[in-house]
Amino acid sequence: MTNKEKIQRLVSRFDDDIPLHVAVERMALLKDIEESLEDLRVGDVLDHDAFMAELDAENEEIQARVDAEG
């Protein structure tokens, strides 16, 4: 399926009076899903343990900034 066909399929499901911001958000979600599927296809992914380690490190960094700012 071409990108144009994917877009047309998505848009065809929209209500006639869909707010523009909602349509744009759904289009952005489609883009994010497509990019994620491509990452998966080429093996550009993290396993669960690596992801959790990154998330923990980021959380610790944020908490350290909050503590430093008082």
N, C-alpha and C. Protein backbone atom coordinates (compact mmCIF):
# COMPACT_ATOMS: atom_id res chain seq x y z
N MET A 1 0.85 -1.17 0.00
CA MET A 1 0.00 0.00 0.00
C MET A 1 0.90 1.24 0.00
N THR A 2 0.61 2.18 -0.86
CA THR A 2 1.41 3.40 -0.93
C THR A 2 1.06 4.33 0.24
N ASN A 3 1.93 5.30 0.48
CA ASN A 3 1.64 6.28 1.54
C ASN A 3 0.34 7.01 1.24
N LYS A 4 0.14 7.37 -0.02
CA LYS A 4 -1.08 8.08 -0.40
C LYS A 4 -2.31 7.22 -0.09
N GLU A 5 -2.22 5.94 -0.37
CA GLU A 5 -3.34 5.05 -0.08
C GLU A 5 -3.59 4.92 1.42
N LYS A 6 -2.52 4.88 2.20
CA LYS A 6 -2.67 4.82 3.65
C LYS A 6 -3.34 6.08 4.17
N ILE A 7 -2.92 7.22 3.64
CA ILE A 7 -3.51 8.50 4.05
C ILE A 7 -4.98 8.55 3.66
N GLN A 8 -5.28 8.16 2.44
CA GLN A 8 -6.67 8.18 1.98
C GLN A 8 -7.54 7.25 2.80
N ARG A 9 -7.00 6.10 3.15
CA ARG A 9 -7.75 5.14 3.96
C ARG A 9 -8.05 5.74 5.34
N LEU A 10 -7.06 6.40 5.93
CA LEU A 10 -7.25 7.03 7.23
C LEU A 10 -8.29 8.15 7.14
N VAL A 11 -8.11 9.03 6.16
CA VAL A 11 -9.00 10.18 6.01
C VAL A 11 -10.44 9.73 5.72
N SER A 12 -10.59 8.65 4.99
CA SER A 12 -11.94 8.17 4.66
C SER A 12 -12.72 7.75 5.89
N ARG A 13 -12.02 7.48 6.99
CA ARG A 13 -12.68 7.08 8.24
C ARG A 13 -13.04 8.28 9.13
N PHE A 14 -12.56 9.46 8.78
CA PHE A 14 -12.86 10.65 9.56
C PHE A 14 -14.33 11.02 9.41
N ASP A 15 -14.91 11.54 10.51
CA ASP A 15 -16.24 12.14 10.42
C ASP A 15 -16.14 13.39 9.55
N ASP A 16 -17.24 13.76 8.92
CA ASP A 16 -17.23 14.92 8.05
C ASP A 16 -16.89 16.21 8.79
N ASP A 17 -17.22 16.28 10.07
CA ASP A 17 -16.98 17.51 10.83
C ASP A 17 -15.82 17.36 11.82
N ILE A 18 -14.87 16.48 11.51
CA ILE A 18 -13.73 16.28 12.41
C ILE A 18 -12.97 17.60 12.56
N PRO A 19 -12.64 17.97 13.79
CA PRO A 19 -11.84 19.18 13.99
C PRO A 19 -10.46 19.00 13.33
N LEU A 20 -9.94 20.06 12.76
CA LEU A 20 -8.68 19.99 12.05
C LEU A 20 -7.56 19.50 12.96
N HIS A 21 -7.52 19.97 14.21
CA HIS A 21 -6.44 19.55 15.10
C HIS A 21 -6.49 18.05 15.40
N VAL A 22 -7.67 17.48 15.43
CA VAL A 22 -7.80 16.04 15.66
C VAL A 22 -7.32 15.28 14.43
N ALA A 23 -7.67 15.76 13.24
CA ALA A 23 -7.21 15.13 12.00
C ALA A 23 -5.69 15.16 11.92
N VAL A 24 -5.10 16.29 12.27
CA VAL A 24 -3.64 16.42 12.23
C VAL A 24 -3.01 15.48 13.25
N GLU A 25 -3.58 15.37 14.45
CA GLU A 25 -3.05 14.47 15.46
C GLU A 25 -3.09 13.02 14.98
N ARG A 26 -4.17 12.65 14.31
CA ARG A 26 -4.28 11.27 13.80
C ARG A 26 -3.28 11.02 12.67
N MET A 27 -3.04 12.04 11.85
CA MET A 27 -2.05 11.91 10.79
C MET A 27 -0.65 11.76 11.42
N ALA A 28 -0.38 12.52 12.47
CA ALA A 28 0.91 12.43 13.16
C ALA A 28 1.08 11.05 13.79
N LEU A 29 0.01 10.51 14.32
CA LEU A 29 0.06 9.16 14.90
C LEU A 29 0.38 8.13 13.82
N LEU A 30 -0.24 8.27 12.65
CA LEU A 30 0.06 7.38 11.53
C LEU A 30 1.55 7.46 11.17
N LYS A 31 2.09 8.68 11.13
CA LYS A 31 3.51 8.87 10.83
C LYS A 31 4.37 8.18 11.88
N ASP A 32 4.05 8.37 13.15
CA ASP A 32 4.82 7.76 14.22
C ASP A 32 4.78 6.23 14.14
N ILE A 33 3.61 5.69 13.83
CA ILE A 33 3.49 4.24 13.70
C ILE A 33 4.32 3.74 12.54
N GLU A 34 4.25 4.42 11.41
CA GLU A 34 5.04 4.03 10.24
C GLU A 34 6.53 4.07 10.54
N GLU A 35 6.98 5.11 11.22
CA GLU A 35 8.40 5.22 11.58
C GLU A 35 8.81 4.11 12.55
N SER A 36 7.95 3.78 13.49
CA SER A 36 8.24 2.72 14.45
C SER A 36 8.31 1.37 13.76
N LEU A 37 7.42 1.13 12.82
CA LEU A 37 7.46 -0.13 12.08
C LEU A 37 8.74 -0.24 11.26
N GLU A 38 9.19 0.88 10.69
CA GLU A 38 10.45 0.86 9.94
C GLU A 38 11.62 0.59 10.88
N ASP A 39 11.62 1.20 12.06
CA ASP A 39 12.67 0.93 13.05
C ASP A 39 12.70 -0.56 13.39
N LEU A 40 11.53 -1.13 13.58
CA LEU A 40 11.43 -2.54 13.89
C LEU A 40 11.96 -3.38 12.73
N ARG A 41 11.61 -3.00 11.52
CA ARG A 41 12.03 -3.74 10.33
C ARG A 41 13.55 -3.79 10.21
N VAL A 42 14.21 -2.67 10.50
CA VAL A 42 15.67 -2.62 10.36
C VAL A 42 16.40 -3.00 11.65
N GLY A 43 15.65 -3.34 12.69
CA GLY A 43 16.27 -3.79 13.93
C GLY A 43 16.75 -2.68 14.83
N ASP A 44 16.27 -1.46 14.62
CA ASP A 44 16.66 -0.33 15.44
C ASP A 44 15.73 -0.22 16.64
N VAL A 45 15.88 -1.17 17.56
CA VAL A 45 15.00 -1.24 18.73
C VAL A 45 15.83 -1.53 19.98
N LEU A 46 15.26 -1.25 21.13
CA LEU A 46 15.88 -1.59 22.41
C LEU A 46 15.11 -2.75 23.02
N ASP A 47 15.84 -3.64 23.68
CA ASP A 47 15.10 -4.67 24.42
C ASP A 47 14.56 -4.05 25.70
N HIS A 48 13.71 -4.76 26.37
CA HIS A 48 13.01 -4.23 27.54
C HIS A 48 13.97 -3.76 28.62
N ASP A 49 14.98 -4.56 28.92
CA ASP A 49 15.92 -4.19 29.99
C ASP A 49 16.69 -2.92 29.66
N ALA A 50 17.12 -2.78 28.42
CA ALA A 50 17.84 -1.57 28.01
C ALA A 50 16.93 -0.35 28.07
N PHE A 51 15.70 -0.51 27.63
CA PHE A 51 14.74 0.60 27.69
C PHE A 51 14.50 1.03 29.13
N MET A 52 14.30 0.06 30.01
CA MET A 52 14.04 0.39 31.41
C MET A 52 15.25 1.06 32.05
N ALA A 53 16.45 0.64 31.69
CA ALA A 53 17.66 1.27 32.22
C ALA A 53 17.74 2.72 31.77
N GLU A 54 17.44 2.98 30.50
CA GLU A 54 17.43 4.37 30.01
C GLU A 54 16.37 5.19 30.73
N LEU A 55 15.20 4.62 30.91
CA LEU A 55 14.11 5.32 31.58
C LEU A 55 14.48 5.63 33.03
N ASP A 56 15.07 4.67 33.72
CA ASP A 56 15.51 4.89 35.11
C ASP A 56 16.56 5.99 35.19
N ALA A 57 17.53 5.97 34.27
CA ALA A 57 18.58 7.00 34.27
C ALA A 57 17.98 8.38 34.01
N GLU A 58 17.05 8.46 33.09
CA GLU A 58 16.40 9.74 32.79
C GLU A 58 15.61 10.22 34.00
N ASN A 59 14.93 9.32 34.65
CA ASN A 59 14.14 9.68 35.83
C ASN A 59 15.05 10.18 36.96
N GLU A 60 16.19 9.52 37.15
CA GLU A 60 17.13 9.95 38.18
C GLU A 60 17.69 11.34 37.87
N GLU A 61 17.96 11.61 36.60
CA GLU A 61 18.45 12.92 36.19
C GLU A 61 17.41 14.01 36.47
N ILE A 62 16.19 13.73 36.14
CA ILE A 62 15.11 14.70 36.38
C ILE A 62 14.95 14.94 37.88
N GLN A 63 14.97 13.86 38.67
CA GLN A 63 14.81 14.00 40.11
C GLN A 63 15.96 14.81 40.70
N ALA A 64 17.18 14.60 40.21
CA ALA A 64 18.35 15.36 40.70
C ALA A 64 18.17 16.85 40.40
N ARG A 65 17.65 17.20 39.22
CA ARG A 65 17.41 18.61 38.89
C ARG A 65 16.34 19.20 39.80
N VAL A 66 15.28 18.45 40.04
CA VAL A 66 14.21 18.93 40.91
C VAL A 66 14.75 19.16 42.32
N ASP A 67 15.54 18.22 42.81
CA ASP A 67 16.11 18.35 44.16
C ASP A 67 17.05 19.56 44.23
N ALA A 68 17.82 19.78 43.18
CA ALA A 68 18.79 20.90 43.16
C ALA A 68 18.07 22.24 43.11
N GLU A 69 16.93 22.29 42.46
CA GLU A 69 16.19 23.54 42.33
C GLU A 69 15.39 23.84 43.58
N GLY A 70 15.21 22.82 44.40
CA GLY A 70 14.52 23.02 45.67
C GLY A 70 13.09 23.15 45.51
